[in-house]
Amino acid sequence: MPSWLIVFLTALAAVAFFALAMSLTLIFKGHNIDSEIATNKNMQRLGIKCAVQESREDTGTDNCHDVGCHGNCSSCDIEQNPTE
């Protein structure tokens, strides 16, 4: 059996395994895994914050609502100056 076929079949099996695992999570829990920091209550309870929010706290600009950050890391912009 050629080595490229072994690599291809191994990659295909890995993708199939992860798709099955995600499907089983959805079936048994009834919802998708909540990996967004803004909406995951366990992450909030543990004090986990997105990297942008932590860096803004380090620079002394704790409130980033003025630049459109509403707890969702994808909407935060670390490069935007809050005084603009």
PDB file of N, CA and C in Angstrom:
ATOM      1  N   MET A   1       0.849  -1.174   0.000  1.00  0.00           N
ATOM      2  CA  MET A   1       0.000   0.000   0.000  1.00  0.00           C
ATOM      3  C   MET A   1       0.896   1.239   0.000  1.00  0.00           C
ATOM      4  N   PRO A   2       0.636   2.180  -0.902  1.00  0.00           N
ATOM      5  CA  PRO A   2       1.472   3.387  -0.982  1.00  0.00           C
ATOM      6  C   PRO A   2       1.350   4.235   0.288  1.00  0.00           C
ATOM      7  N   SER A   3       2.424   4.939   0.605  1.00  0.00           N
ATOM      8  CA  SER A   3       2.443   5.731   1.838  1.00  0.00           C
ATOM      9  C   SER A   3       1.452   6.894   1.785  1.00  0.00           C
ATOM     10  N   TRP A   4       1.223   7.495   0.608  1.00  0.00           N
ATOM     11  CA  TRP A   4       0.266   8.603   0.515  1.00  0.00           C
ATOM     12  C   TRP A   4      -1.145   8.126   0.818  1.00  0.00           C
ATOM     13  N   LEU A   5      -1.450   6.891   0.473  1.00  0.00           N
ATOM     14  CA  LEU A   5      -2.780   6.345   0.752  1.00  0.00           C
ATOM     15  C   LEU A   5      -2.959   6.120   2.253  1.00  0.00           C
ATOM     16  N   ILE A   6      -1.915   5.690   2.923  1.00  0.00           N
ATOM     17  CA  ILE A   6      -1.976   5.497   4.372  1.00  0.00           C
ATOM     18  C   ILE A   6      -2.194   6.834   5.076  1.00  0.00           C
ATOM     19  N   VAL A   7      -1.466   7.851   4.637  1.00  0.00           N
ATOM     20  CA  VAL A   7      -1.622   9.190   5.221  1.00  0.00           C
ATOM     21  C   VAL A   7      -3.027   9.712   4.957  1.00  0.00           C
ATOM     22  N   PHE A   8      -3.527   9.552   3.749  1.00  0.00           N
ATOM     23  CA  PHE A   8      -4.861  10.028   3.398  1.00  0.00           C
ATOM     24  C   PHE A   8      -5.930   9.315   4.232  1.00  0.00           C
ATOM     25  N   LEU A   9      -5.837   8.006   4.353  1.00  0.00           N
ATOM     26  CA  LEU A   9      -6.825   7.257   5.122  1.00  0.00           C
ATOM     27  C   LEU A   9      -6.757   7.584   6.608  1.00  0.00           C
ATOM     28  N   THR A  10      -5.564   7.840   7.128  1.00  0.00           N
ATOM     29  CA  THR A  10      -5.415   8.242   8.526  1.00  0.00           C
ATOM     30  C   THR A  10      -6.052   9.612   8.768  1.00  0.00           C
ATOM     31  N   ALA A  11      -5.825  10.540   7.864  1.00  0.00           N
ATOM     32  CA  ALA A  11      -6.426  11.869   7.988  1.00  0.00           C
ATOM     33  C   ALA A  11      -7.943  11.789   7.875  1.00  0.00           C
ATOM     34  N   LEU A  12      -8.424  10.982   6.960  1.00  0.00           N
ATOM     35  CA  LEU A  12      -9.868  10.807   6.788  1.00  0.00           C
ATOM     36  C   LEU A  12     -10.486  10.190   8.041  1.00  0.00           C
ATOM     37  N   ALA A  13      -9.828   9.229   8.637  1.00  0.00           N
ATOM     38  CA  ALA A  13     -10.331   8.606   9.863  1.00  0.00           C
ATOM     39  C   ALA A  13     -10.350   9.608  11.015  1.00  0.00           C
ATOM     40  N   ALA A  14      -9.332  10.463  11.111  1.00  0.00           N
ATOM     41  CA  ALA A  14      -9.283  11.468  12.178  1.00  0.00           C
ATOM     42  C   ALA A  14     -10.424  12.470  12.033  1.00  0.00           C
ATOM     43  N   VAL A  15     -10.667  12.933  10.837  1.00  0.00           N
ATOM     44  CA  VAL A  15     -11.759  13.887  10.597  1.00  0.00           C
ATOM     45  C   VAL A  15     -13.102  13.232  10.903  1.00  0.00           C
ATOM     46  N   ALA A  16     -13.276  11.993  10.484  1.00  0.00           N
ATOM     47  CA  ALA A  16     -14.523  11.277  10.756  1.00  0.00           C
ATOM     48  C   ALA A  16     -14.727  11.089  12.256  1.00  0.00           C
ATOM     49  N   PHE A  17     -13.659  10.782  12.986  1.00  0.00           N
ATOM     50  CA  PHE A  17     -13.754  10.610  14.435  1.00  0.00           C
ATOM     51  C   PHE A  17     -14.196  11.903  15.114  1.00  0.00           C
ATOM     52  N   PHE A  18     -13.589  13.025  14.748  1.00  0.00           N
ATOM     53  CA  PHE A  18     -13.945  14.298  15.377  1.00  0.00           C
ATOM     54  C   PHE A  18     -15.354  14.739  14.997  1.00  0.00           C
ATOM     55  N   ALA A  19     -15.781  14.481  13.774  1.00  0.00           N
ATOM     56  CA  ALA A  19     -17.154  14.803  13.378  1.00  0.00           C
ATOM     57  C   ALA A  19     -18.137  13.963  14.187  1.00  0.00           C
ATOM     58  N   LEU A  20     -17.833  12.707  14.387  1.00  0.00           N
ATOM     59  CA  LEU A  20     -18.691  11.834  15.192  1.00  0.00           C
ATOM     60  C   LEU A  20     -18.723  12.305  16.644  1.00  0.00           C
ATOM     61  N   ALA A  21     -17.573  12.683  17.184  1.00  0.00           N
ATOM     62  CA  ALA A  21     -17.520  13.145  18.570  1.00  0.00           C
ATOM     63  C   ALA A  21     -18.341  14.414  18.764  1.00  0.00           C
ATOM     64  N   MET A  22     -18.257  15.356  17.833  1.00  0.00           N
ATOM     65  CA  MET A  22     -19.049  16.580  17.927  1.00  0.00           C
ATOM     66  C   MET A  22     -20.532  16.276  17.792  1.00  0.00           C
ATOM     67  N   SER A  23     -20.880  15.333  16.937  1.00  0.00           N
ATOM     68  CA  SER A  23     -22.285  14.951  16.768  1.00  0.00           C
ATOM     69  C   SER A  23     -22.825  14.313  18.038  1.00  0.00           C
ATOM     70  N   LEU A  24     -22.030  13.449  18.666  1.00  0.00           N
ATOM     71  CA  LEU A  24     -22.477  12.815  19.901  1.00  0.00           C
ATOM     72  C   LEU A  24     -22.654  13.838  21.015  1.00  0.00           C
ATOM     73  N   THR A  25     -21.790  14.835  21.060  1.00  0.00           N
ATOM     74  CA  THR A  25     -21.939  15.899  22.042  1.00  0.00           C
ATOM     75  C   THR A  25     -23.254  16.627  21.826  1.00  0.00           C
ATOM     76  N   LEU A  26     -23.572  16.912  20.587  1.00  0.00           N
ATOM     77  CA  LEU A  26     -24.826  17.594  20.274  1.00  0.00           C
ATOM     78  C   LEU A  26     -26.022  16.719  20.620  1.00  0.00           C
ATOM     79  N   ILE A  27     -25.940  15.430  20.338  1.00  0.00           N
ATOM     80  CA  ILE A  27     -27.054  14.523  20.607  1.00  0.00           C
ATOM     81  C   ILE A  27     -27.283  14.374  22.109  1.00  0.00           C
ATOM     82  N   PHE A  28     -26.234  14.129  22.872  1.00  0.00           N
ATOM     83  CA  PHE A  28     -26.400  13.856  24.299  1.00  0.00           C
ATOM     84  C   PHE A  28     -26.643  15.104  25.130  1.00  0.00           C
ATOM     85  N   LYS A  29     -25.972  16.198  24.812  1.00  0.00           N
ATOM     86  CA  LYS A  29     -26.153  17.426  25.580  1.00  0.00           C
ATOM     87  C   LYS A  29     -27.317  18.261  25.072  1.00  0.00           C
ATOM     88  N   GLY A  30     -27.668  18.112  23.819  1.00  0.00           N
ATOM     89  CA  GLY A  30     -28.778  18.863  23.256  1.00  0.00           C
ATOM     90  C   GLY A  30     -28.394  20.242  22.755  1.00  0.00           C
ATOM     91  N   HIS A  31     -27.113  20.589  22.801  1.00  0.00           N
ATOM     92  CA  HIS A  31     -26.672  21.890  22.299  1.00  0.00           C
ATOM     93  C   HIS A  31     -25.203  21.774  21.893  1.00  0.00           C
ATOM     94  N   ASN A  32     -24.760  22.733  21.102  1.00  0.00           N
ATOM     95  CA  ASN A  32     -23.348  22.768  20.706  1.00  0.00           C
ATOM     96  C   ASN A  32     -22.490  23.159  21.894  1.00  0.00           C
ATOM     97  N   ILE A  33     -21.214  22.840  21.813  1.00  0.00           N
ATOM     98  CA  ILE A  33     -20.282  23.238  22.857  1.00  0.00           C
ATOM     99  C   ILE A  33     -20.146  24.757  22.810  1.00  0.00           C
ATOM    100  N   ASP A  34     -20.341  25.401  23.941  1.00  0.00           N
ATOM    101  CA  ASP A  34     -20.278  26.861  24.027  1.00  0.00           C
ATOM    102  C   ASP A  34     -18.842  27.264  24.335  1.00  0.00           C
ATOM    103  N   SER A  35     -18.101  27.624  23.294  1.00  0.00           N
ATOM    104  CA  SER A  35     -16.698  27.977  23.491  1.00  0.00           C
ATOM    105  C   SER A  35     -16.460  29.485  23.467  1.00  0.00           C
ATOM    106  N   GLU A  36     -17.498  30.272  23.318  1.00  0.00           N
ATOM    107  CA  GLU A  36     -17.355  31.726  23.300  1.00  0.00           C
ATOM    108  C   GLU A  36     -17.299  32.242  24.731  1.00  0.00           C
ATOM    109  N   ILE A  37     -16.275  32.989  25.048  1.00  0.00           N
ATOM    110  CA  ILE A  37     -16.062  33.470  26.409  1.00  0.00           C
ATOM    111  C   ILE A  37     -17.212  34.358  26.871  1.00  0.00           C
ATOM    112  N   ALA A  38     -17.776  35.118  25.974  1.00  0.00           N
ATOM    113  CA  ALA A  38     -18.827  36.057  26.347  1.00  0.00           C
ATOM    114  C   ALA A  38     -20.106  35.367  26.791  1.00  0.00           C
ATOM    115  N   THR A  39     -20.362  34.158  26.324  1.00  0.00           N
ATOM    116  CA  THR A  39     -21.619  33.488  26.636  1.00  0.00           C
ATOM    117  C   THR A  39     -21.459  32.245  27.499  1.00  0.00           C
ATOM    118  N   ASN A  40     -20.245  31.801  27.764  1.00  0.00           N
ATOM    119  CA  ASN A  40     -20.025  30.598  28.552  1.00  0.00           C
ATOM    120  C   ASN A  40     -19.977  30.968  30.030  1.00  0.00           C
ATOM    121  N   LYS A  41     -20.985  30.539  30.774  1.00  0.00           N
ATOM    122  CA  LYS A  41     -21.089  30.916  32.184  1.00  0.00           C
ATOM    123  C   LYS A  41     -19.974  30.317  33.037  1.00  0.00           C
ATOM    124  N   ASN A  42     -19.498  29.115  32.697  1.00  0.00           N
ATOM    125  CA  ASN A  42     -18.411  28.510  33.464  1.00  0.00           C
ATOM    126  C   ASN A  42     -17.111  29.287  33.298  1.00  0.00           C
ATOM    127  N   MET A  43     -16.830  29.759  32.075  1.00  0.00           N
ATOM    128  CA  MET A  43     -15.629  30.568  31.860  1.00  0.00           C
ATOM    129  C   MET A  43     -15.722  31.883  32.613  1.00  0.00           C
ATOM    130  N   GLN A  44     -16.910  32.482  32.606  1.00  0.00           N
ATOM    131  CA  GLN A  44     -17.093  33.737  33.329  1.00  0.00           C
ATOM    132  C   GLN A  44     -16.948  33.521  34.828  1.00  0.00           C
ATOM    133  N   ARG A  45     -17.473  32.406  35.329  1.00  0.00           N
ATOM    134  CA  ARG A  45     -17.386  32.098  36.759  1.00  0.00           C
ATOM    135  C   ARG A  45     -15.934  31.918  37.188  1.00  0.00           C
ATOM    136  N   LEU A  46     -15.120  31.343  36.299  1.00  0.00           N
ATOM    137  CA  LEU A  46     -13.710  31.130  36.609  1.00  0.00           C
ATOM    138  C   LEU A  46     -12.854  32.375  36.386  1.00  0.00           C
ATOM    139  N   GLY A  47     -13.452  33.423  35.843  1.00  0.00           N
ATOM    140  CA  GLY A  47     -12.724  34.666  35.621  1.00  0.00           C
ATOM    141  C   GLY A  47     -11.909  34.686  34.345  1.00  0.00           C
ATOM    142  N   ILE A  48     -12.214  33.794  33.409  1.00  0.00           N
ATOM    143  CA  ILE A  48     -11.484  33.752  32.142  1.00  0.00           C
ATOM    144  C   ILE A  48     -11.993  34.889  31.259  1.00  0.00           C
ATOM    145  N   LYS A  49     -11.082  35.629  30.685  1.00  0.00           N
ATOM    146  CA  LYS A  49     -11.433  36.760  29.824  1.00  0.00           C
ATOM    147  C   LYS A  49     -10.737  36.595  28.486  1.00  0.00           C
ATOM    148  N   CYS A  50     -11.257  37.255  27.463  1.00  0.00           N
ATOM    149  CA  CYS A  50     -10.606  37.180  26.158  1.00  0.00           C
ATOM    150  C   CYS A  50      -9.303  37.983  26.200  1.00  0.00           C
ATOM    151  N   ALA A  51      -8.407  37.659  25.308  1.00  0.00           N
ATOM    152  CA  ALA A  51      -7.080  38.274  25.291  1.00  0.00           C
ATOM    153  C   ALA A  51      -7.164  39.779  25.077  1.00  0.00           C
ATOM    154  N   VAL A  52      -8.098  40.221  24.261  1.00  0.00           N
ATOM    155  CA  VAL A  52      -8.239  41.657  23.999  1.00  0.00           C
ATOM    156  C   VAL A  52      -8.664  42.380  25.265  1.00  0.00           C
ATOM    157  N   GLN A  53      -9.623  41.802  25.978  1.00  0.00           N
ATOM    158  CA  GLN A  53     -10.083  42.431  27.208  1.00  0.00           C
ATOM    159  C   GLN A  53      -8.953  42.487  28.241  1.00  0.00           C
ATOM    160  N   GLU A  54      -8.175  41.421  28.361  1.00  0.00           N
ATOM    161  CA  GLU A  54      -7.057  41.430  29.301  1.00  0.00           C
ATOM    162  C   GLU A  54      -6.003  42.459  28.932  1.00  0.00           C
ATOM    163  N   SER A  55      -5.698  42.585  27.639  1.00  0.00           N
ATOM    164  CA  SER A  55      -4.685  43.564  27.234  1.00  0.00           C
ATOM    165  C   SER A  55      -5.184  44.986  27.446  1.00  0.00           C
ATOM    166  N   ARG A  56      -6.486  45.215  27.252  1.00  0.00           N
ATOM    167  CA  ARG A  56      -7.026  46.555  27.497  1.00  0.00           C
ATOM    168  C   ARG A  56      -6.991  46.869  28.990  1.00  0.00           C
ATOM    169  N   GLU A  57      -7.224  45.850  29.838  1.00  0.00           N
ATOM    170  CA  GLU A  57      -7.121  46.072  31.279  1.00  0.00           C
ATOM    171  C   GLU A  57      -5.678  46.372  31.678  1.00  0.00           C
ATOM    172  N   ASP A  58      -4.722  45.719  31.017  1.00  0.00           N
ATOM    173  CA  ASP A  58      -3.310  45.961  31.309  1.00  0.00           C
ATOM    174  C   ASP A  58      -2.887  47.379  30.943  1.00  0.00           C
ATOM    175  N   THR A  59      -3.479  47.928  29.881  1.00  0.00           N
ATOM    176  CA  THR A  59      -3.124  49.278  29.463  1.00  0.00           C
ATOM    177  C   THR A  59      -3.924  50.341  30.199  1.00  0.00           C
ATOM    178  N   GLY A  60      -4.887  49.917  31.025  1.00  0.00           N
ATOM    179  CA  GLY A  60      -5.641  50.874  31.825  1.00  0.00           C
ATOM    180  C   GLY A  60      -6.938  51.328  31.191  1.00  0.00           C
ATOM    181  N   THR A  61      -7.332  50.749  30.081  1.00  0.00           N
ATOM    182  CA  THR A  61      -8.602  51.104  29.451  1.00  0.00           C
ATOM    183  C   THR A  61      -9.563  49.933  29.651  1.00  0.00           C
ATOM    184  N   ASP A  62     -10.093  49.821  30.882  1.00  0.00           N
ATOM    185  CA  ASP A  62     -10.944  48.687  31.233  1.00  0.00           C
ATOM    186  C   ASP A  62     -12.225  48.638  30.422  1.00  0.00           C
ATOM    187  N   ASN A  63     -12.827  49.771  30.169  1.00  0.00           N
ATOM    188  CA  ASN A  63     -14.110  49.795  29.485  1.00  0.00           C
ATOM    189  C   ASN A  63     -13.884  49.894  27.990  1.00  0.00           C
ATOM    190  N   CYS A  64     -14.187  48.812  27.285  1.00  0.00           N
ATOM    191  CA  CYS A  64     -13.989  48.840  25.838  1.00  0.00           C
ATOM    192  C   CYS A  64     -15.318  48.881  25.089  1.00  0.00           C
ATOM    193  N   HIS A  65     -16.399  49.242  25.786  1.00  0.00           N
ATOM    194  CA  HIS A  65     -17.699  49.344  25.114  1.00  0.00           C
ATOM    195  C   HIS A  65     -17.720  50.494  24.114  1.00  0.00           C
ATOM    196  N   ASP A  66     -16.855  51.480  24.321  1.00  0.00           N
ATOM    197  CA  ASP A  66     -16.821  52.626  23.417  1.00  0.00           C
ATOM    198  C   ASP A  66     -16.233  52.279  22.057  1.00  0.00           C
ATOM    199  N   VAL A  67     -15.555  51.135  21.931  1.00  0.00           N
ATOM    200  CA  VAL A  67     -15.002  50.733  20.641  1.00  0.00           C
ATOM    201  C   VAL A  67     -15.762  49.558  20.044  1.00  0.00           C
ATOM    202  N   GLY A  68     -16.895  49.222  20.624  1.00  0.00           N
ATOM    203  CA  GLY A  68     -17.737  48.182  20.054  1.00  0.00           C
ATOM    204  C   GLY A  68     -17.534  46.807  20.637  1.00  0.00           C
ATOM    205  N   CYS A  69     -16.812  46.683  21.748  1.00  0.00           N
ATOM    206  CA  CYS A  69     -16.603  45.375  22.367  1.00  0.00           C
ATOM    207  C   CYS A  69     -17.722  45.136  23.369  1.00  0.00           C
ATOM    208  N   HIS A  70     -18.463  44.078  23.145  1.00  0.00           N
ATOM    209  CA  HIS A  70     -19.579  43.761  24.035  1.00  0.00           C
ATOM    210  C   HIS A  70     -19.391  42.385  24.648  1.00  0.00           C
ATOM    211  N   GLY A  71     -18.161  42.019  25.006  1.00  0.00           N
ATOM    212  CA  GLY A  71     -17.884  40.736  25.603  1.00  0.00           C
ATOM    213  C   GLY A  71     -17.615  39.642  24.593  1.00  0.00           C
ATOM    214  N   ASN A  72     -17.718  39.965  23.319  1.00  0.00           N
ATOM    215  CA  ASN A  72     -17.478  38.991  22.269  1.00  0.00           C
ATOM    216  C   ASN A  72     -16.122  39.290  21.672  1.00  0.00           C
ATOM    217  N   CYS A  73     -15.203  38.339  21.791  1.00  0.00           N
ATOM    218  CA  CYS A  73     -13.828  38.589  21.355  1.00  0.00           C
ATOM    219  C   CYS A  73     -13.732  38.928  19.871  1.00  0.00           C
ATOM    220  N   SER A  74     -14.614  38.389  19.059  1.00  0.00           N
ATOM    221  CA  SER A  74     -14.528  38.654  17.633  1.00  0.00           C
ATOM    222  C   SER A  74     -14.892  40.100  17.305  1.00  0.00           C
ATOM    223  N   SER A  75     -15.617  40.781  18.210  1.00  0.00           N
ATOM    224  CA  SER A  75     -15.984  42.166  17.931  1.00  0.00           C
ATOM    225  C   SER A  75     -14.999  43.149  18.539  1.00  0.00           C
ATOM    226  N   CYS A  76     -14.086  42.670  19.388  1.00  0.00           N
ATOM    227  CA  CYS A  76     -13.096  43.551  20.003  1.00  0.00           C
ATOM    228  C   CYS A  76     -11.969  43.843  19.020  1.00  0.00           C
ATOM    229  N   ASP A  77     -11.388  45.009  19.131  1.00  0.00           N
ATOM    230  CA  ASP A  77     -10.262  45.381  18.291  1.00  0.00           C
ATOM    231  C   ASP A  77      -9.182  45.956  19.184  1.00  0.00           C
ATOM    232  N   ILE A  78      -8.083  45.219  19.315  1.00  0.00           N
ATOM    233  CA  ILE A  78      -7.010  45.644  20.226  1.00  0.00           C
ATOM    234  C   ILE A  78      -6.270  46.865  19.691  1.00  0.00           C
ATOM    235  N   GLU A  79      -6.286  47.064  18.387  1.00  0.00           N
ATOM    236  CA  GLU A  79      -5.530  48.163  17.786  1.00  0.00           C
ATOM    237  C   GLU A  79      -6.282  49.485  17.845  1.00  0.00           C
ATOM    238  N   GLN A  80      -7.589  49.469  18.072  1.00  0.00           N
ATOM    239  CA  GLN A  80      -8.356  50.702  18.051  1.00  0.00           C
ATOM    240  C   GLN A  80      -8.146  51.491  19.332  1.00  0.00           C
ATOM    241  N   ASN A  81      -7.933  52.762  19.197  1.00  0.00           N
ATOM    242  CA  ASN A  81      -7.711  53.635  20.330  1.00  0.00           C
ATOM    243  C   ASN A  81      -9.063  54.101  20.864  1.00  0.00           C
ATOM    244  N   PRO A  82      -9.367  53.914  22.145  1.00  0.00           N
ATOM    245  CA  PRO A  82     -10.666  54.310  22.674  1.00  0.00           C
ATOM    246  C   PRO A  82     -10.909  55.807  22.689  1.00  0.00           C
ATOM    247  N   THR A  83      -9.864  56.625  22.542  1.00  0.00           N
ATOM    248  CA  THR A  83     -10.047  58.068  22.545  1.00  0.00           C
ATOM    249  C   THR A  83     -10.416  58.621  21.189  1.00  0.00           C
ATOM    250  N   GLU A  84     -10.400  57.776  20.152  1.00  0.00           N
ATOM    251  CA  GLU A  84     -10.709  58.257  18.804  1.00  0.00           C
ATOM    252  C   GLU A  84     -12.184  58.503  18.648  1.00  0.00           C
TER     253      GLU A  84
END
